[in-house]
Amino acid sequence: MTAYITRRLIFLVFVLFGVSVLIFGLLMTFSPERRAAAYVTSPQQAEDIPRIVEQFGLTDPFPVQYARWVKEVASGNLGWSLVAARPVTEAFWGYFAVTLELNLFASPLVILIGIWLGTLSGQHRDTWLDHGTRIVAIIGWSLPTFLFALVLLMVFYGYLDLFQPGITSTHTALWVANHPDFIRYTGMYSVDGILNGELWITGDALAHLVLPVITQIIVVVALLMRVMRSGMIEEMGKDYIITARAKGADSHTVTRGHARPNALIPVITVAGQLVALAMEGSIAVEVVFSRQGMGWWLAESATQLDMPVLMSVCMFMGVVFVVSNLVIDILYARIDPRIRLT
């Protein structure tokens, strides 16, 4: 197992190399003046772009420029974000904390609800329960994320004056800004409120998470539930299930002890990819609910051609997907002992 994990981590280096070459190749299609933004680290430097073009040799051949860019990244200089108006390295952790806070609550619920509903649907095939869950899944999967988010926002905030958008209320944000003794340990208000002993801040942050979490669950859980249902139906018809029932095994043992573990293998793959995608930020959710996380940052950077941000986020996505695939493979071996990782 250790050798397998080591090889996969080494493989990560080659993946990042390929991603970086592709990203930099796309970057070379822009003018030297636009590409100079990747080397800007302050507003003062942004005022003298021609000097940066000359200093970093942005008219040099591709291999020379790529090597120079890798050196800058290795030294921790990811450039200056025009959207955030600060260095990318500094801005990244603030936006990432907002996205992470959303997914800490949404992702576990998506996985648990998806497996639970998929198990029930597959176990009670062609019953009213199965038909009901499938209808919900179809609606959730077909409905555009931004439309569902807008409907929730209109109903709960527009008509009921509940669950306002944003990360926290204006009162909470001003209180934190005016109290330097409030330490931002993680950048997540729900966690930092507990760590600072200010539980009312945690409550306010959780209230602002309700609608985004519901949107994330309804939209994403549909796919996971359908995969789990298909796996359960397939497993329930196999010979070992029929044998277990013939030996007098009760329904709980047959479903939870035999069928569900085997049906979980494809579900783990889907769940891992969904969580990895969520970590880059759900653009529609963050934009509609005014949560300035990775998705919001990525959308704003794309519209303004903030190249250093786009490059950094793509590199981050490469790391997340390789690591998530490694975790998925390890979970395979834990759930099904027949799978051996060598």
C-alpha atoms as a PDB file:
ATOM      1  CA  MET A   1       0.000   0.000   0.000  1.00  0.00           C
ATOM      2  CA  THR A   2       2.810   2.438   0.896  1.00  0.00           C
ATOM      3  CA  ALA A   3       4.583   1.781  -2.389  1.00  0.00           C
ATOM      4  CA  TYR A   4       1.335   2.345  -4.281  1.00  0.00           C
ATOM      5  CA  ILE A   5       0.675   5.691  -2.568  1.00  0.00           C
ATOM      6  CA  THR A   6       4.273   6.768  -3.192  1.00  0.00           C
ATOM      7  CA  ARG A   7       3.980   5.991  -6.910  1.00  0.00           C
ATOM      8  CA  ARG A   8       0.734   7.925  -7.156  1.00  0.00           C
ATOM      9  CA  LEU A   9       2.278  10.956  -5.456  1.00  0.00           C
ATOM     10  CA  ILE A  10       5.197  10.812  -7.888  1.00  0.00           C
ATOM     11  CA  PHE A  11       2.643  10.584 -10.695  1.00  0.00           C
ATOM     12  CA  LEU A  12       1.160  13.830  -9.345  1.00  0.00           C
ATOM     13  CA  VAL A  13       4.362  15.642 -10.342  1.00  0.00           C
ATOM     14  CA  PHE A  14       3.991  14.532 -13.970  1.00  0.00           C
ATOM     15  CA  VAL A  15       0.303  15.466 -13.996  1.00  0.00           C
ATOM     16  CA  LEU A  16       1.095  18.953 -12.744  1.00  0.00           C
ATOM     17  CA  PHE A  17       3.854  19.243 -15.335  1.00  0.00           C
ATOM     18  CA  GLY A  18       1.420  18.376 -18.124  1.00  0.00           C
ATOM     19  CA  VAL A  19      -1.223  20.736 -16.762  1.00  0.00           C
ATOM     20  CA  SER A  20       1.300  23.562 -16.401  1.00  0.00           C
ATOM     21  CA  VAL A  21       2.569  23.107 -19.981  1.00  0.00           C
ATOM     22  CA  LEU A  22      -0.998  23.169 -21.301  1.00  0.00           C
ATOM     23  CA  ILE A  23      -1.925  26.220 -19.251  1.00  0.00           C
ATOM     24  CA  PHE A  24       1.217  28.092 -20.219  1.00  0.00           C
ATOM     25  CA  GLY A  25       0.693  27.162 -23.863  1.00  0.00           C
ATOM     26  CA  LEU A  26      -2.772  28.712 -23.739  1.00  0.00           C
ATOM     27  CA  LEU A  27      -1.302  31.719 -21.989  1.00  0.00           C
ATOM     28  CA  MET A  28       1.143  32.237 -24.874  1.00  0.00           C
ATOM     29  CA  THR A  29      -1.780  32.965 -27.206  1.00  0.00           C
ATOM     30  CA  PHE A  30      -2.208  36.320 -25.438  1.00  0.00           C
ATOM     31  CA  SER A  31      -0.117  39.392 -26.044  1.00  0.00           C
ATOM     32  CA  PRO A  32       3.070  39.972 -24.002  1.00  0.00           C
ATOM     33  CA  GLU A  33       1.376  42.896 -22.249  1.00  0.00           C
ATOM     34  CA  ARG A  34      -1.495  40.684 -21.069  1.00  0.00           C
ATOM     35  CA  ARG A  35       0.886  37.905 -20.019  1.00  0.00           C
ATOM     36  CA  ALA A  36       2.916  40.354 -17.978  1.00  0.00           C
ATOM     37  CA  ALA A  37       0.147  40.274 -15.375  1.00  0.00           C
ATOM     38  CA  ALA A  38       1.377  36.826 -14.324  1.00  0.00           C
ATOM     39  CA  TYR A  39       4.535  38.466 -12.942  1.00  0.00           C
ATOM     40  CA  VAL A  40       2.946  41.484 -11.287  1.00  0.00           C
ATOM     41  CA  THR A  41       2.972  41.397  -7.479  1.00  0.00           C
ATOM     42  CA  SER A  42       1.839  44.931  -6.612  1.00  0.00           C
ATOM     43  CA  PRO A  43      -0.291  47.775  -8.025  1.00  0.00           C
ATOM     44  CA  GLN A  44       2.892  49.814  -8.585  1.00  0.00           C
ATOM     45  CA  GLN A  45       4.305  47.200 -10.928  1.00  0.00           C
ATOM     46  CA  ALA A  46       1.024  47.105 -12.868  1.00  0.00           C
ATOM     47  CA  GLU A  47       1.632  50.705 -13.894  1.00  0.00           C
ATOM     48  CA  ASP A  48       4.855  49.813 -15.738  1.00  0.00           C
ATOM     49  CA  ILE A  49       3.902  46.838 -17.919  1.00  0.00           C
ATOM     50  CA  PRO A  50       6.469  47.542 -20.720  1.00  0.00           C
ATOM     51  CA  ARG A  51       9.285  47.264 -18.199  1.00  0.00           C
ATOM     52  CA  ILE A  52       7.949  43.910 -16.982  1.00  0.00           C
ATOM     53  CA  VAL A  53       7.729  42.651 -20.578  1.00  0.00           C
ATOM     54  CA  GLU A  54      11.378  43.507 -21.066  1.00  0.00           C
ATOM     55  CA  GLN A  55      12.519  42.356 -17.618  1.00  0.00           C
ATOM     56  CA  PHE A  56      10.956  38.883 -17.878  1.00  0.00           C
ATOM     57  CA  GLY A  57      11.676  38.426 -21.581  1.00  0.00           C
ATOM     58  CA  LEU A  58       8.077  37.823 -22.593  1.00  0.00           C
ATOM     59  CA  THR A  59       9.106  37.847 -26.250  1.00  0.00           C
ATOM     60  CA  ASP A  60      11.575  34.977 -25.721  1.00  0.00           C
ATOM     61  CA  PRO A  61      10.952  31.423 -27.068  1.00  0.00           C
ATOM     62  CA  PHE A  62       8.357  29.240 -25.336  1.00  0.00           C
ATOM     63  CA  PRO A  63      10.807  26.912 -23.440  1.00  0.00           C
ATOM     64  CA  VAL A  64      12.711  29.867 -22.011  1.00  0.00           C
ATOM     65  CA  GLN A  65       9.560  31.625 -20.830  1.00  0.00           C
ATOM     66  CA  TYR A  66       8.121  28.408 -19.377  1.00  0.00           C
ATOM     67  CA  ALA A  67      11.270  27.733 -17.333  1.00  0.00           C
ATOM     68  CA  ARG A  68      11.214  31.315 -16.064  1.00  0.00           C
ATOM     69  CA  TRP A  69       7.542  31.029 -15.067  1.00  0.00           C
ATOM     70  CA  VAL A  70       8.126  27.743 -13.212  1.00  0.00           C
ATOM     71  CA  LYS A  71      10.926  29.433 -11.285  1.00  0.00           C
ATOM     72  CA  GLU A  72       8.587  32.246 -10.245  1.00  0.00           C
ATOM     73  CA  VAL A  73       5.893  29.780  -9.138  1.00  0.00           C
ATOM     74  CA  ALA A  74       8.432  27.711  -7.203  1.00  0.00           C
ATOM     75  CA  SER A  75       9.467  30.846  -5.326  1.00  0.00           C
ATOM     76  CA  GLY A  76       5.849  31.455  -4.307  1.00  0.00           C
ATOM     77  CA  ASN A  77       5.080  34.230  -6.777  1.00  0.00           C
ATOM     78  CA  LEU A  78       1.790  33.361  -8.482  1.00  0.00           C
ATOM     79  CA  GLY A  79       1.226  36.887  -9.736  1.00  0.00           C
ATOM     80  CA  TRP A  80      -1.161  39.700  -8.906  1.00  0.00           C
ATOM     81  CA  SER A  81      -4.927  39.175  -9.025  1.00  0.00           C
ATOM     82  CA  LEU A  82      -6.737  42.055 -10.677  1.00  0.00           C
ATOM     83  CA  VAL A  83     -10.059  40.861  -9.241  1.00  0.00           C
ATOM     84  CA  ALA A  84      -8.833  40.548  -5.653  1.00  0.00           C
ATOM     85  CA  ALA A  85      -6.427  43.511  -5.916  1.00  0.00           C
ATOM     86  CA  ARG A  86      -3.748  41.567  -4.040  1.00  0.00           C
ATOM     87  CA  PRO A  87      -1.243  38.760  -4.667  1.00  0.00           C
ATOM     88  CA  VAL A  88      -2.823  35.497  -5.817  1.00  0.00           C
ATOM     89  CA  THR A  89      -1.140  33.516  -3.029  1.00  0.00           C
ATOM     90  CA  GLU A  90      -2.651  35.769  -0.375  1.00  0.00           C
ATOM     91  CA  ALA A  91      -6.101  35.927  -1.991  1.00  0.00           C
ATOM     92  CA  PHE A  92      -6.313  32.179  -2.634  1.00  0.00           C
ATOM     93  CA  TRP A  93      -6.655  31.149   1.012  1.00  0.00           C
ATOM     94  CA  GLY A  94      -9.425  33.638   1.686  1.00  0.00           C
ATOM     95  CA  TYR A  95     -11.555  32.452  -1.239  1.00  0.00           C
ATOM     96  CA  PHE A  96     -10.715  28.809  -0.607  1.00  0.00           C
ATOM     97  CA  ALA A  97     -11.882  29.083   3.019  1.00  0.00           C
ATOM     98  CA  VAL A  98     -15.329  30.274   1.861  1.00  0.00           C
ATOM     99  CA  THR A  99     -15.697  27.352  -0.561  1.00  0.00           C
ATOM    100  CA  LEU A 100     -14.359  24.879   1.989  1.00  0.00           C
ATOM    101  CA  GLU A 101     -16.864  26.092   4.582  1.00  0.00           C
ATOM    102  CA  LEU A 102     -19.749  25.441   2.187  1.00  0.00           C
ATOM    103  CA  ASN A 103     -18.503  21.968   1.273  1.00  0.00           C
ATOM    104  CA  LEU A 104     -17.786  20.928   4.843  1.00  0.00           C
ATOM    105  CA  PHE A 105     -21.537  20.984   5.366  1.00  0.00           C
ATOM    106  CA  ALA A 106     -22.809  20.121   1.879  1.00  0.00           C
ATOM    107  CA  SER A 107     -20.529  17.259   0.778  1.00  0.00           C
ATOM    108  CA  PRO A 108     -21.110  14.876   3.735  1.00  0.00           C
ATOM    109  CA  LEU A 109     -24.867  15.426   3.468  1.00  0.00           C
ATOM    110  CA  VAL A 110     -24.792  14.807  -0.293  1.00  0.00           C
ATOM    111  CA  ILE A 111     -22.953  11.506   0.194  1.00  0.00           C
ATOM    112  CA  LEU A 112     -25.082  10.284   3.105  1.00  0.00           C
ATOM    113  CA  ILE A 113     -28.419  11.282   1.563  1.00  0.00           C
ATOM    114  CA  GLY A 114     -27.449   9.938  -1.856  1.00  0.00           C
ATOM    115  CA  ILE A 115     -26.428   6.543  -0.470  1.00  0.00           C
ATOM    116  CA  TRP A 116     -29.479   6.366   1.811  1.00  0.00           C
ATOM    117  CA  LEU A 117     -32.035   7.263  -0.870  1.00  0.00           C
ATOM    118  CA  GLY A 118     -30.296   5.112  -3.474  1.00  0.00           C
ATOM    119  CA  THR A 119     -30.331   2.126  -1.113  1.00  0.00           C
ATOM    120  CA  LEU A 120     -34.032   2.558  -0.348  1.00  0.00           C
ATOM    121  CA  SER A 121     -34.902   3.028  -4.002  1.00  0.00           C
ATOM    122  CA  GLY A 122     -32.971  -0.042  -5.097  1.00  0.00           C
ATOM    123  CA  GLN A 123     -34.245  -2.155  -2.218  1.00  0.00           C
ATOM    124  CA  HIS A 124     -37.886  -1.214  -2.915  1.00  0.00           C
ATOM    125  CA  ARG A 125     -37.745  -1.277  -6.693  1.00  0.00           C
ATOM    126  CA  ASP A 126     -40.883  -0.206  -8.601  1.00  0.00           C
ATOM    127  CA  THR A 127     -42.736   0.880  -5.452  1.00  0.00           C
ATOM    128  CA  TRP A 128     -44.089   4.347  -4.689  1.00  0.00           C
ATOM    129  CA  LEU A 129     -40.889   5.054  -2.738  1.00  0.00           C
ATOM    130  CA  ASP A 130     -38.750   4.172  -5.759  1.00  0.00           C
ATOM    131  CA  HIS A 131     -40.867   6.237  -8.133  1.00  0.00           C
ATOM    132  CA  GLY A 132     -40.918   9.205  -5.758  1.00  0.00           C
ATOM    133  CA  THR A 133     -37.145   9.306  -5.280  1.00  0.00           C
ATOM    134  CA  ARG A 134     -36.566   8.920  -9.015  1.00  0.00           C
ATOM    135  CA  ILE A 135     -38.866  11.849  -9.775  1.00  0.00           C
ATOM    136  CA  VAL A 136     -36.990  14.003  -7.257  1.00  0.00           C
ATOM    137  CA  ALA A 137     -33.680  12.892  -8.775  1.00  0.00           C
ATOM    138  CA  ILE A 138     -34.786  13.726 -12.317  1.00  0.00           C
ATOM    139  CA  ILE A 139     -36.047  17.159 -11.277  1.00  0.00           C
ATOM    140  CA  GLY A 140     -32.908  17.900  -9.283  1.00  0.00           C
ATOM    141  CA  TRP A 141     -30.578  16.778 -12.063  1.00  0.00           C
ATOM    142  CA  SER A 142     -32.504  18.551 -14.844  1.00  0.00           C
ATOM    143  CA  LEU A 143     -33.127  21.871 -13.111  1.00  0.00           C
ATOM    144  CA  PRO A 144     -30.342  24.424 -13.756  1.00  0.00           C
ATOM    145  CA  THR A 145     -28.426  25.196 -10.577  1.00  0.00           C
ATOM    146  CA  PHE A 146     -28.730  28.952 -10.920  1.00  0.00           C
ATOM    147  CA  LEU A 147     -32.504  28.721 -11.480  1.00  0.00           C
ATOM    148  CA  PHE A 148     -33.074  26.564  -8.413  1.00  0.00           C
ATOM    149  CA  ALA A 149     -30.873  28.892  -6.357  1.00  0.00           C
ATOM    150  CA  LEU A 150     -32.825  31.938  -7.552  1.00  0.00           C
ATOM    151  CA  VAL A 151     -36.152  30.282  -6.678  1.00  0.00           C
ATOM    152  CA  LEU A 152     -34.946  29.518  -3.140  1.00  0.00           C
ATOM    153  CA  LEU A 153     -33.614  33.046  -2.777  1.00  0.00           C
ATOM    154  CA  MET A 154     -36.889  34.552  -4.006  1.00  0.00           C
ATOM    155  CA  VAL A 155     -39.062  32.441  -1.704  1.00  0.00           C
ATOM    156  CA  PHE A 156     -37.056  32.438   1.512  1.00  0.00           C
ATOM    157  CA  TYR A 157     -35.345  35.829   1.339  1.00  0.00           C
ATOM    158  CA  GLY A 158     -37.591  37.778  -1.008  1.00  0.00           C
ATOM    159  CA  TYR A 159     -40.964  36.749   0.476  1.00  0.00           C
ATOM    160  CA  LEU A 160     -40.187  35.329   3.926  1.00  0.00           C
ATOM    161  CA  ASP A 161     -37.202  37.582   4.743  1.00  0.00           C
ATOM    162  CA  LEU A 162     -35.174  34.581   5.903  1.00  0.00           C
ATOM    163  CA  PHE A 163     -31.663  33.358   5.098  1.00  0.00           C
ATOM    164  CA  GLN A 164     -30.239  36.438   3.419  1.00  0.00           C
ATOM    165  CA  PRO A 165     -27.418  35.957   0.872  1.00  0.00           C
ATOM    166  CA  GLY A 166     -23.757  36.552   1.630  1.00  0.00           C
ATOM    167  CA  ILE A 167     -21.259  34.939   3.953  1.00  0.00           C
ATOM    168  CA  THR A 168     -22.457  36.737   7.089  1.00  0.00           C
ATOM    169  CA  SER A 169     -24.714  39.668   7.901  1.00  0.00           C
ATOM    170  CA  THR A 170     -23.348  43.190   7.608  1.00  0.00           C
ATOM    171  CA  HIS A 171     -23.494  43.563  11.394  1.00  0.00           C
ATOM    172  CA  THR A 172     -21.309  40.492  11.910  1.00  0.00           C
ATOM    173  CA  ALA A 173     -18.799  41.525   9.247  1.00  0.00           C
ATOM    174  CA  LEU A 174     -18.453  45.014  10.778  1.00  0.00           C
ATOM    175  CA  TRP A 175     -18.123  43.577  14.295  1.00  0.00           C
ATOM    176  CA  VAL A 176     -15.310  41.251  13.218  1.00  0.00           C
ATOM    177  CA  ALA A 177     -13.563  44.072  11.321  1.00  0.00           C
ATOM    178  CA  ASN A 178     -13.702  46.372  14.363  1.00  0.00           C
ATOM    179  CA  HIS A 179     -12.499  43.776  16.875  1.00  0.00           C
ATOM    180  CA  PRO A 180      -8.841  42.952  16.226  1.00  0.00           C
ATOM    181  CA  ASP A 181      -8.909  40.454  19.087  1.00  0.00           C
ATOM    182  CA  PHE A 182     -11.137  38.205  16.952  1.00  0.00           C
ATOM    183  CA  ILE A 183      -8.630  35.818  15.390  1.00  0.00           C
ATOM    184  CA  ARG A 184      -9.344  34.364  11.943  1.00  0.00           C
ATOM    185  CA  TYR A 185      -7.857  30.938  12.542  1.00  0.00           C
ATOM    186  CA  THR A 186      -9.364  29.245   9.494  1.00  0.00           C
ATOM    187  CA  GLY A 187     -11.095  31.995   7.529  1.00  0.00           C
ATOM    188  CA  MET A 188     -14.427  30.195   8.078  1.00  0.00           C
ATOM    189  CA  TYR A 189     -16.819  32.193  10.253  1.00  0.00           C
ATOM    190  CA  SER A 190     -18.679  29.098  11.457  1.00  0.00           C
ATOM    191  CA  VAL A 191     -15.467  27.577  12.801  1.00  0.00           C
ATOM    192  CA  ASP A 192     -13.709  30.765  13.926  1.00  0.00           C
ATOM    193  CA  GLY A 193     -16.785  31.807  15.900  1.00  0.00           C
ATOM    194  CA  ILE A 194     -16.467  28.652  17.999  1.00  0.00           C
ATOM    195  CA  LEU A 195     -12.691  28.987  18.391  1.00  0.00           C
ATOM    196  CA  ASN A 196     -13.087  32.598  19.570  1.00  0.00           C
ATOM    197  CA  GLY A 197     -15.992  31.795  21.903  1.00  0.00           C
ATOM    198  CA  GLU A 198     -18.415  33.938  19.888  1.00  0.00           C
ATOM    199  CA  LEU A 199     -21.162  31.419  19.145  1.00  0.00           C
ATOM    200  CA  TRP A 200     -23.531  34.063  17.782  1.00  0.00           C
ATOM    201  CA  ILE A 201     -21.101  34.531  14.873  1.00  0.00           C
ATOM    202  CA  THR A 202     -21.222  30.797  14.208  1.00  0.00           C
ATOM    203  CA  GLY A 203     -25.023  30.903  14.258  1.00  0.00           C
ATOM    204  CA  ASP A 204     -25.089  33.813  11.824  1.00  0.00           C
ATOM    205  CA  ALA A 205     -22.679  32.034   9.461  1.00  0.00           C
ATOM    206  CA  LEU A 206     -24.720  28.830   9.592  1.00  0.00           C
ATOM    207  CA  ALA A 207     -27.920  30.745   8.794  1.00  0.00           C
ATOM    208  CA  HIS A 208     -26.247  32.094   5.640  1.00  0.00           C
ATOM    209  CA  LEU A 209     -25.216  28.560   4.679  1.00  0.00           C
ATOM    210  CA  VAL A 210     -28.735  27.075   4.723  1.00  0.00           C
ATOM    211  CA  LEU A 211     -29.834  27.981   1.187  1.00  0.00           C
ATOM    212  CA  PRO A 212     -26.461  27.328  -0.517  1.00  0.00           C
ATOM    213  CA  VAL A 213     -26.203  23.926   1.191  1.00  0.00           C
ATOM    214  CA  ILE A 214     -29.787  22.996   0.207  1.00  0.00           C
ATOM    215  CA  THR A 215     -29.071  24.005  -3.402  1.00  0.00           C
ATOM    216  CA  GLN A 216     -25.860  21.997  -3.470  1.00  0.00           C
ATOM    217  CA  ILE A 217     -27.603  18.929  -2.026  1.00  0.00           C
ATOM    218  CA  ILE A 218     -30.651  18.955  -4.323  1.00  0.00           C
ATOM    219  CA  VAL A 219     -28.619  19.448  -7.481  1.00  0.00           C
ATOM    220  CA  VAL A 220     -25.740  17.059  -6.763  1.00  0.00           C
ATOM    221  CA  VAL A 221     -27.438  14.259  -4.793  1.00  0.00           C
ATOM    222  CA  ALA A 222     -29.520  13.222  -7.826  1.00  0.00           C
ATOM    223  CA  LEU A 223     -26.581  11.680  -9.692  1.00  0.00           C
ATOM    224  CA  LEU A 224     -25.237   9.924  -6.619  1.00  0.00           C
ATOM    225  CA  MET A 225     -28.649   8.482  -5.774  1.00  0.00           C
ATOM    226  CA  ARG A 226     -29.218   7.129  -9.277  1.00  0.00           C
ATOM    227  CA  VAL A 227     -25.812   5.437  -9.322  1.00  0.00           C
ATOM    228  CA  MET A 228     -26.482   3.877  -5.919  1.00  0.00           C
ATOM    229  CA  ARG A 229     -29.933   2.704  -7.017  1.00  0.00           C
ATOM    230  CA  SER A 230     -28.549   1.044 -10.156  1.00  0.00           C
ATOM    231  CA  GLY A 231     -25.832  -0.659  -8.118  1.00  0.00           C
ATOM    232  CA  MET A 232     -28.317  -1.950  -5.551  1.00  0.00           C
ATOM    233  CA  ILE A 233     -30.671  -3.336  -8.227  1.00  0.00           C
ATOM    234  CA  GLU A 234     -27.774  -5.121  -9.895  1.00  0.00           C
ATOM    235  CA  GLU A 235     -26.457  -6.597  -6.639  1.00  0.00           C
ATOM    236  CA  MET A 236     -29.895  -7.654  -5.333  1.00  0.00           C
ATOM    237  CA  GLY A 237     -30.340  -9.925  -8.333  1.00  0.00           C
ATOM    238  CA  LYS A 238     -27.047 -11.787  -7.996  1.00  0.00           C
ATOM    239  CA  ASP A 239     -26.663 -15.388  -6.886  1.00  0.00           C
ATOM    240  CA  TYR A 240     -24.967 -14.652  -3.549  1.00  0.00           C
ATOM    241  CA  ILE A 241     -27.967 -12.546  -2.463  1.00  0.00           C
ATOM    242  CA  ILE A 242     -30.363 -15.333  -3.435  1.00  0.00           C
ATOM    243  CA  THR A 243     -28.197 -17.811  -1.490  1.00  0.00           C
ATOM    244  CA  ALA A 244     -28.132 -15.570   1.572  1.00  0.00           C
ATOM    245  CA  ARG A 245     -31.916 -15.301   1.534  1.00  0.00           C
ATOM    246  CA  ALA A 246     -32.253 -19.065   1.070  1.00  0.00           C
ATOM    247  CA  LYS A 247     -30.147 -19.558   4.200  1.00  0.00           C
ATOM    248  CA  GLY A 248     -32.600 -17.444   6.170  1.00  0.00           C
ATOM    249  CA  ALA A 249     -30.748 -14.115   6.293  1.00  0.00           C
ATOM    250  CA  ASP A 250     -33.041 -11.231   7.211  1.00  0.00           C
ATOM    251  CA  SER A 251     -33.626  -8.269   4.911  1.00  0.00           C
ATOM    252  CA  HIS A 252     -31.390  -5.936   6.944  1.00  0.00           C
ATOM    253  CA  THR A 253     -28.429  -8.325   6.736  1.00  0.00           C
ATOM    254  CA  VAL A 254     -28.929  -8.943   3.024  1.00  0.00           C
ATOM    255  CA  THR A 255     -29.175  -5.245   2.177  1.00  0.00           C
ATOM    256  CA  ARG A 256     -26.682  -3.639   4.578  1.00  0.00           C
ATOM    257  CA  GLY A 257     -24.266  -6.508   5.003  1.00  0.00           C
ATOM    258  CA  HIS A 258     -24.060  -7.937   1.484  1.00  0.00           C
ATOM    259  CA  ALA A 259     -25.579  -5.838  -1.293  1.00  0.00           C
ATOM    260  CA  ARG A 260     -24.757  -2.303  -0.221  1.00  0.00           C
ATOM    261  CA  PRO A 261     -20.961  -2.719   0.275  1.00  0.00           C
ATOM    262  CA  ASN A 262     -20.614  -4.064  -3.270  1.00  0.00           C
ATOM    263  CA  ALA A 263     -22.919  -1.391  -4.688  1.00  0.00           C
ATOM    264  CA  LEU A 264     -20.798   1.319  -3.047  1.00  0.00           C
ATOM    265  CA  ILE A 265     -17.794   0.832  -5.339  1.00  0.00           C
ATOM    266  CA  PRO A 266     -19.128   2.857  -8.322  1.00  0.00           C
ATOM    267  CA  VAL A 267     -20.703   5.311  -5.876  1.00  0.00           C
ATOM    268  CA  ILE A 268     -17.302   6.059  -4.341  1.00  0.00           C
ATOM    269  CA  THR A 269     -15.944   6.991  -7.760  1.00  0.00           C
ATOM    270  CA  VAL A 270     -18.814   9.386  -8.457  1.00  0.00           C
ATOM    271  CA  ALA A 271     -18.771  10.845  -4.937  1.00  0.00           C
ATOM    272  CA  GLY A 272     -15.028  11.448  -5.078  1.00  0.00           C
ATOM    273  CA  GLN A 273     -15.273  13.281  -8.384  1.00  0.00           C
ATOM    274  CA  LEU A 274     -18.240  15.345  -7.176  1.00  0.00           C
ATOM    275  CA  VAL A 275     -16.386  16.402  -4.034  1.00  0.00           C
ATOM    276  CA  ALA A 276     -13.302  17.266  -6.090  1.00  0.00           C
ATOM    277  CA  LEU A 277     -15.408  19.415  -8.421  1.00  0.00           C
ATOM    278  CA  ALA A 278     -17.089  21.080  -5.455  1.00  0.00           C
ATOM    279  CA  MET A 279     -13.725  22.074  -3.983  1.00  0.00           C
ATOM    280  CA  GLU A 280     -13.019  24.305  -6.969  1.00  0.00           C
ATOM    281  CA  GLY A 281     -16.225  26.127  -6.130  1.00  0.00           C
ATOM    282  CA  SER A 282     -19.777  25.936  -7.387  1.00  0.00           C
ATOM    283  CA  ILE A 283     -19.924  29.009  -9.591  1.00  0.00           C
ATOM    284  CA  ALA A 284     -23.714  29.284  -9.791  1.00  0.00           C
ATOM    285  CA  VAL A 285     -24.238  28.803  -6.044  1.00  0.00           C
ATOM    286  CA  GLU A 286     -21.560  31.277  -5.012  1.00  0.00           C
ATOM    287  CA  VAL A 287     -22.599  33.933  -7.528  1.00  0.00           C
ATOM    288  CA  VAL A 288     -26.346  33.756  -6.777  1.00  0.00           C
ATOM    289  CA  PHE A 289     -25.880  33.723  -3.000  1.00  0.00           C
ATOM    290  CA  SER A 290     -23.070  36.315  -3.027  1.00  0.00           C
ATOM    291  CA  ARG A 291     -20.530  33.987  -1.448  1.00  0.00           C
ATOM    292  CA  GLN A 292     -17.111  35.157  -2.587  1.00  0.00           C
ATOM    293  CA  GLY A 293     -15.391  31.798  -2.784  1.00  0.00           C
ATOM    294  CA  MET A 294     -13.355  29.957  -5.405  1.00  0.00           C
ATOM    295  CA  GLY A 295     -16.272  29.694  -7.828  1.00  0.00           C
ATOM    296  CA  TRP A 296     -17.063  33.414  -7.608  1.00  0.00           C
ATOM    297  CA  TRP A 297     -13.366  34.286  -7.945  1.00  0.00           C
ATOM    298  CA  LEU A 298     -12.977  31.998 -10.959  1.00  0.00           C
ATOM    299  CA  ALA A 299     -16.040  33.481 -12.695  1.00  0.00           C
ATOM    300  CA  GLU A 300     -14.905  37.060 -12.126  1.00  0.00           C
ATOM    301  CA  SER A 301     -11.355  36.237 -13.229  1.00  0.00           C
ATOM    302  CA  ALA A 302     -12.597  34.602 -16.432  1.00  0.00           C
ATOM    303  CA  THR A 303     -14.692  37.627 -17.402  1.00  0.00           C
ATOM    304  CA  GLN A 304     -11.780  40.003 -16.702  1.00  0.00           C
ATOM    305  CA  LEU A 305      -9.075  37.710 -18.158  1.00  0.00           C
ATOM    306  CA  ASP A 306      -7.239  37.645 -14.833  1.00  0.00           C
ATOM    307  CA  MET A 307      -4.667  35.167 -16.145  1.00  0.00           C
ATOM    308  CA  PRO A 308      -2.641  34.556 -12.939  1.00  0.00           C
ATOM    309  CA  VAL A 309      -5.826  33.465 -11.149  1.00  0.00           C
ATOM    310  CA  LEU A 310      -6.947  31.185 -13.977  1.00  0.00           C
ATOM    311  CA  MET A 311      -3.534  29.521 -14.089  1.00  0.00           C
ATOM    312  CA  SER A 312      -3.370  29.038 -10.330  1.00  0.00           C
ATOM    313  CA  VAL A 313      -6.900  27.627 -10.064  1.00  0.00           C
ATOM    314  CA  CYS A 314      -6.231  25.160 -12.902  1.00  0.00           C
ATOM    315  CA  MET A 315      -3.084  23.946 -11.134  1.00  0.00           C
ATOM    316  CA  PHE A 316      -5.063  23.592  -7.915  1.00  0.00           C
ATOM    317  CA  MET A 317      -7.713  21.555  -9.721  1.00  0.00           C
ATOM    318  CA  GLY A 318      -5.029  19.208 -11.024  1.00  0.00           C
ATOM    319  CA  VAL A 319      -3.794  18.558  -7.489  1.00  0.00           C
ATOM    320  CA  VAL A 320      -7.330  18.036  -6.131  1.00  0.00           C
ATOM    321  CA  PHE A 321      -8.290  15.515  -8.806  1.00  0.00           C
ATOM    322  CA  VAL A 322      -5.126  13.435  -8.483  1.00  0.00           C
ATOM    323  CA  VAL A 323      -5.385  13.360  -4.677  1.00  0.00           C
ATOM    324  CA  SER A 324      -9.109  12.547  -4.805  1.00  0.00           C
ATOM    325  CA  ASN A 325      -8.450   9.637  -7.186  1.00  0.00           C
ATOM    326  CA  LEU A 326      -5.793   8.338  -4.789  1.00  0.00           C
ATOM    327  CA  VAL A 327      -8.251   8.490  -1.878  1.00  0.00           C
ATOM    328  CA  ILE A 328     -10.889   6.719  -4.002  1.00  0.00           C
ATOM    329  CA  ASP A 329      -8.503   3.866  -4.830  1.00  0.00           C
ATOM    330  CA  ILE A 330      -7.618   3.434  -1.153  1.00  0.00           C
ATOM    331  CA  LEU A 331     -11.304   3.343  -0.208  1.00  0.00           C
ATOM    332  CA  TYR A 332     -11.839   0.632  -2.823  1.00  0.00           C
ATOM    333  CA  ALA A 333      -9.444  -1.641  -0.977  1.00  0.00           C
ATOM    334  CA  ARG A 334     -11.034  -0.840   2.376  1.00  0.00           C
ATOM    335  CA  ILE A 335     -14.592  -1.606   1.232  1.00  0.00           C
ATOM    336  CA  ASP A 336     -13.810  -4.630  -0.942  1.00  0.00           C
ATOM    337  CA  PRO A 337     -10.915  -6.758   0.429  1.00  0.00           C
ATOM    338  CA  ARG A 338     -10.728  -8.535  -2.930  1.00  0.00           C
ATOM    339  CA  ILE A 339      -9.200  -5.372  -4.395  1.00  0.00           C
ATOM    340  CA  ARG A 340      -5.474  -5.198  -3.782  1.00  0.00           C
ATOM    341  CA  LEU A 341      -3.408  -2.088  -4.430  1.00  0.00           C
ATOM    342  CA  THR A 342       0.150  -3.003  -5.347  1.00  0.00           C
END
